[in-house]
């Protein structure tokens, strides 16, 4: 039986541990000490009266109830984000924090110009850029740890909206001695 209310902070910590694959990586992603996250998860498990996570040295594994709790936590945080968005629809300007998660491979190449343009257009928004491996972007988005994710297509997710950030021309570069040197196309 739940004796006290579960907080959004606890939901965020739990999902960070799950999405990041461990307490240390979750603490790094959230910029919070590992013992604080560990204590919060222990308190959450005590509130619920059940173990959610099986801890090991290399990773974390969800118990059956932990998996059920993960689905509820993701849905709850998505609803909380949707509620905040719905309540702010009437605002004339965008303002406040916006967490954007991008894969490290494209963050320094593609995003400086986009960030500069966005910040000049929306000066009241405080961007929080978070780098995360591509395979963890969708779980972080679904879990509410980020509000926007930048992905390289194709992605097979049907319940997400995709917006193009532009088109880059990808080039293959070869040395002069290479068999493709001098050709107009590598295809």
Protein backbone atom coordinates (compact mmCIF):
# COMPACT_ATOMS: atom_id res chain seq x y z
CA UNK A 1 0.00 0.00 0.00
CA UNK A 2 1.28 3.44 -0.92
CA UNK A 3 1.70 5.53 2.23
CA UNK A 4 2.82 8.80 0.65
CA UNK A 5 2.63 10.35 -2.79
CA UNK A 6 5.10 9.60 -5.52
CA UNK A 7 6.80 12.73 -6.84
CA UNK A 8 7.72 13.70 -10.39
CA UNK A 9 11.32 13.87 -9.18
CA UNK A 10 11.18 10.19 -8.19
CA UNK A 11 9.64 9.28 -11.55
CA UNK A 12 12.42 11.18 -13.33
CA UNK A 13 15.14 9.53 -11.27
CA UNK A 14 13.68 6.06 -11.80
CA UNK A 15 13.38 6.53 -15.56
CA UNK A 16 16.87 8.02 -15.76
CA UNK A 17 18.31 4.91 -14.06
CA UNK A 18 16.37 2.67 -16.45
CA UNK A 19 17.12 4.67 -19.63
CA UNK A 20 20.78 5.23 -18.80
CA UNK A 21 21.27 1.60 -17.76
CA UNK A 22 22.60 2.32 -14.28
CA UNK A 23 22.86 4.64 -11.30
CA UNK A 24 26.23 6.16 -12.20
CA UNK A 25 25.20 7.05 -15.76
CA UNK A 26 21.86 8.39 -14.49
CA UNK A 27 23.65 10.61 -11.98
CA UNK A 28 25.91 11.93 -14.75
CA UNK A 29 22.94 12.56 -17.08
CA UNK A 30 20.97 14.37 -14.36
CA UNK A 31 24.02 16.07 -12.83
CA UNK A 32 23.06 14.73 -9.41
CA UNK A 33 25.16 12.64 -7.04
CA UNK A 34 24.84 8.88 -7.39
CA UNK A 35 24.00 8.36 -3.69
CA UNK A 36 21.11 10.84 -4.01
CA UNK A 37 19.62 8.90 -6.90
CA UNK A 38 20.19 5.58 -5.14
CA UNK A 39 18.49 6.85 -1.97
CA UNK A 40 15.57 8.25 -3.97
CA UNK A 41 15.02 4.88 -5.69
CA UNK A 42 15.22 3.05 -2.35
CA UNK A 43 12.66 5.49 -0.89
CA UNK A 44 10.42 4.98 -3.92
CA UNK A 45 10.61 1.21 -3.54
CA UNK A 46 9.80 1.59 0.17
CA UNK A 47 6.78 3.77 -0.65
CA UNK A 48 5.52 1.18 -3.10
CA UNK A 49 6.42 -1.76 -0.89
CA UNK A 50 8.11 -3.63 -3.72
CA UNK A 51 11.46 -3.96 -5.45
CA UNK A 52 11.50 -2.26 -8.85
CA UNK A 53 15.13 -2.73 -9.85
CA UNK A 54 17.55 -5.62 -9.50
CA UNK A 55 20.94 -4.04 -9.03
CA UNK A 56 24.13 -5.56 -10.41
CA UNK A 57 27.62 -4.18 -10.94
CA UNK A 58 27.24 -3.80 -14.72
CA UNK A 59 23.59 -2.87 -15.26
CA UNK A 60 20.13 -2.69 -13.78
CA UNK A 61 17.31 -5.11 -14.52
CA UNK A 62 13.68 -4.31 -13.91
CA UNK A 63 11.56 -6.67 -11.90
CA UNK A 64 8.12 -7.53 -13.28
CA UNK A 65 6.61 -4.79 -11.13
CA UNK A 66 9.46 -2.47 -12.13
CA UNK A 67 8.54 -2.96 -15.78
CA UNK A 68 4.90 -2.19 -14.98
CA UNK A 69 5.96 0.90 -13.01
CA UNK A 70 8.18 2.04 -15.92
CA UNK A 71 5.19 2.09 -18.28
CA UNK A 72 3.12 4.10 -15.79
CA UNK A 73 6.01 6.49 -15.08
CA UNK A 74 6.56 7.15 -18.80
CA UNK A 75 2.85 7.76 -19.37
CA UNK A 76 2.59 10.03 -16.31
CA UNK A 77 5.54 12.19 -17.36
CA UNK A 78 4.26 12.42 -20.95
CA UNK A 79 0.89 13.58 -19.59
CA UNK A 80 2.59 16.12 -17.33
CA UNK A 81 4.49 17.54 -20.31
CA UNK A 82 1.30 17.62 -22.39
CA UNK A 83 -0.52 19.43 -19.58
CA UNK A 84 2.21 22.08 -19.33
CA UNK A 85 2.09 22.55 -23.10
CA UNK A 86 -1.70 22.81 -23.12
CA UNK A 87 -1.67 25.38 -20.33
CA UNK A 88 0.93 27.48 -22.11
CA UNK A 89 -0.84 27.52 -25.50
CA UNK A 90 -2.33 30.95 -24.80
CA UNK A 91 1.05 32.51 -24.08
CA UNK A 92 2.21 34.92 -26.76
CA UNK A 93 5.90 34.11 -26.32
CA UNK A 94 7.81 30.94 -25.60
CA UNK A 95 9.82 31.03 -22.41
CA UNK A 96 11.36 28.78 -19.81
CA UNK A 97 13.61 25.74 -20.02
CA UNK A 98 13.56 23.37 -22.99
CA UNK A 99 15.61 20.17 -22.82
CA UNK A 100 16.84 18.97 -26.21
CA UNK A 101 18.66 15.67 -26.53
CA UNK A 102 20.93 14.99 -29.49
CA UNK A 103 23.33 12.24 -30.49
CA UNK A 104 26.97 13.24 -29.91
CA UNK A 105 27.89 12.47 -33.52
CA UNK A 106 25.77 15.33 -34.89
CA UNK A 107 25.60 17.80 -32.01
CA UNK A 108 28.71 19.82 -32.82
CA UNK A 109 28.26 19.60 -36.58
CA UNK A 110 24.57 20.33 -37.14
CA UNK A 111 23.38 22.23 -34.12
CA UNK A 112 25.41 25.39 -33.58
CA UNK A 113 23.57 27.24 -36.38
CA UNK A 114 20.19 25.85 -35.38
CA UNK A 115 20.75 26.80 -31.73
CA UNK A 116 21.87 30.31 -32.63
CA UNK A 117 18.83 30.84 -34.85
CA UNK A 118 16.43 29.41 -32.25
CA UNK A 119 17.87 31.50 -29.40
CA UNK A 120 17.63 34.74 -31.39
CA UNK A 121 14.01 33.95 -32.31
CA UNK A 122 13.01 32.82 -28.79
CA UNK A 123 15.18 34.72 -26.29
CA UNK A 124 12.96 33.68 -23.35
CA UNK A 125 13.71 29.99 -23.84
CA UNK A 126 16.66 28.53 -21.95
CA UNK A 127 17.95 25.58 -23.99
CA UNK A 128 19.38 22.64 -22.08
CA UNK A 129 21.32 20.55 -24.59
CA UNK A 130 21.91 16.96 -23.56
CA UNK A 131 24.03 14.55 -25.57
CA UNK A 132 22.92 10.94 -25.54
CA UNK A 133 23.65 7.89 -27.71
CA UNK A 134 21.07 7.40 -30.47
CA UNK A 135 19.73 4.15 -29.03
CA UNK A 136 18.72 5.96 -25.81
CA UNK A 137 17.01 8.99 -27.38
CA UNK A 138 13.54 7.50 -27.86
CA UNK A 139 13.39 6.00 -24.33
CA UNK A 140 14.47 9.37 -22.87
CA UNK A 141 11.79 11.13 -24.93
CA UNK A 142 9.10 8.64 -23.92
CA UNK A 143 10.26 8.76 -20.30
CA UNK A 144 10.02 12.52 -20.05
CA UNK A 145 13.73 13.14 -19.47
CA UNK A 146 13.78 15.27 -22.60
CA UNK A 147 11.13 17.25 -24.42
CA UNK A 148 12.68 17.17 -27.87
CA UNK A 149 15.13 14.76 -29.48
CA UNK A 150 17.08 15.13 -32.69
CA UNK A 151 17.37 11.89 -34.61
CA UNK A 152 18.85 10.70 -37.85
CA UNK A 153 16.17 9.04 -39.97
CA UNK A 154 14.85 6.45 -40.63
CA UNK A 155 13.17 5.66 -37.34
CA UNK A 156 10.31 3.15 -37.16
CA UNK A 157 8.34 4.99 -34.48
CA UNK A 158 4.78 5.71 -35.63
CA UNK A 159 3.48 7.54 -32.57
CA UNK A 160 6.01 10.37 -32.69
CA UNK A 161 5.96 13.50 -34.84
CA UNK A 162 8.97 14.24 -36.97
CA UNK A 163 10.00 17.69 -38.16
CA UNK A 164 12.78 18.26 -40.62
CA UNK A 165 15.64 20.47 -39.45
CA UNK A 166 16.91 20.83 -43.00
CA UNK A 167 18.83 18.82 -45.50
CA UNK A 168 22.58 18.45 -45.49
CA UNK A 169 24.58 17.23 -48.40
CA UNK A 170 26.60 14.25 -47.31
CA UNK A 171 29.90 13.89 -49.12
CA UNK A 172 32.26 10.99 -49.52
CA UNK A 173 35.87 12.15 -49.44
CA UNK A 174 38.61 10.01 -50.96
CA UNK A 175 42.33 10.58 -51.54
CA UNK A 176 43.63 11.16 -55.08
CA UNK A 177 44.88 7.58 -55.39
CA UNK A 178 41.47 6.03 -54.62
CA UNK A 179 39.51 4.15 -57.32
CA UNK A 180 36.58 6.59 -56.94
CA UNK A 181 38.78 9.68 -57.41
CA UNK A 182 37.56 11.84 -60.28
CA UNK A 183 34.07 10.30 -60.48
CA UNK A 184 31.03 12.55 -60.07
CA UNK A 185 29.17 9.95 -57.99
CA UNK A 186 30.10 7.01 -55.80
CA UNK A 187 26.89 5.20 -56.73
